[in-house]
Amino acid sequence: MNIDMIRAAAGRLEGHARRTPLLSSPFLDAAAGRRVWVKPECLQRTGSFKFRGAWSALSALDPEVRARGVIAFSSGTHAQGVAHAATLHGVPSVIVMPGDAPALKIANTRALGAEVVLYDRSAESREEIGAALAEECGLTLIRPYDEPQVIAGQGTTGLEIAAQAAEVGVREADVLVCCGGGGLTAGIALALEADAPGLRVRPVEPEGFDDMARSLQSGRIERNNATSGNICDAILTPCPGDITFPIIRRLCGAGLVVSEDEALMAVAQAFLRLKVVAEPGGAVALAAALCRQDAIEGADVIVTISGGNVDPTLFATALDTLT
């Protein structure tokens, strides 16, 4: 992995991915005790940053290989990104999704043109299912985070952050990134190392699923005891990736951890103050900016909202925290 791959991915994404803005609110600034700059990847195609990595990976395939189709495993955001990118390329896609994924994400993945295969994430391995189907059907497996071209695509978010931060005069800040397997975190960290070395990435995770934070503390890959049971479903992964963790260990600061209630509060604040719809897993970085002020350095903090694919009922629950 290197910056040249990210710049090449940016070229292939031009005209296909959205350049999401960098938003701010004086109300969020007051709550956080510093200036808060929000990168809303929930406004990206398919409602999350995952479209970047999906398009990057598909567009990098040999055309003959791509034509046979692709397969991916995901709880919903990577699923939708791959499904949409595959449909836009005119090739078939199969997505392996946990049966307890939000109904909206399953429905959207099918609507975007993919064949969906459901599995029990507490008893079955998505990796094994995906590998078997890939071999059986001749499909190319696009991993959700531990895949160089996917990481390169996610890293284009970091190129935009570097340019946008410079535009508003921010050259030193913590950059809080919602973190599951680490594809977005690693990609942004590589981009910022090259284009904005004064911006330091910090991964953010939900309580009970803080494998990246614990791995950074111990210096080796740690696993979560559970793989489900948290409203931040978009960023629940068994452990950091073999490719992503060394990058994150080299370039990132200590991880931050937030509760489910804090994630719901951040969903509500994103809507109230920015008029942005976030899902809980996509709002953990904002939650950390608002609730972990003492662990953050500097007068500015940059946060990603990584996705907005939230069920209406859960979104209503989040808004109830405002009353």
Foldseek 3Di string as FASTA:
>chain_A
DALVLLVVLVVQCVPPKDLFAWDWFVVLCVLLVFTETEREQCPIVVRFLLLLLLLLVLVPDDVVLPQLEAEEEALASNLLSNLQNSVVVVHAYEYEHEPPRPPLRVVNSVVSHYHYHYDHPQPDDPVVVRVVVCVVSVHHYDYRAQDVSSLSRLLVNLLSVLVNCVVVPHQAWEEEELAAQQSNVLSNQNNCVPRRLRYAYAYEYEPQQPQLLVCLVVVHKDFGPDQDDAQLNRRRDGIHHPRRNVSCSVGHDHYHYDYNLLLLLQQQCCCVGVVDAAGSSLRRRSSCSSPVSVVTDDNYYYYYSGGRSYDPVSNVVSNVVVD
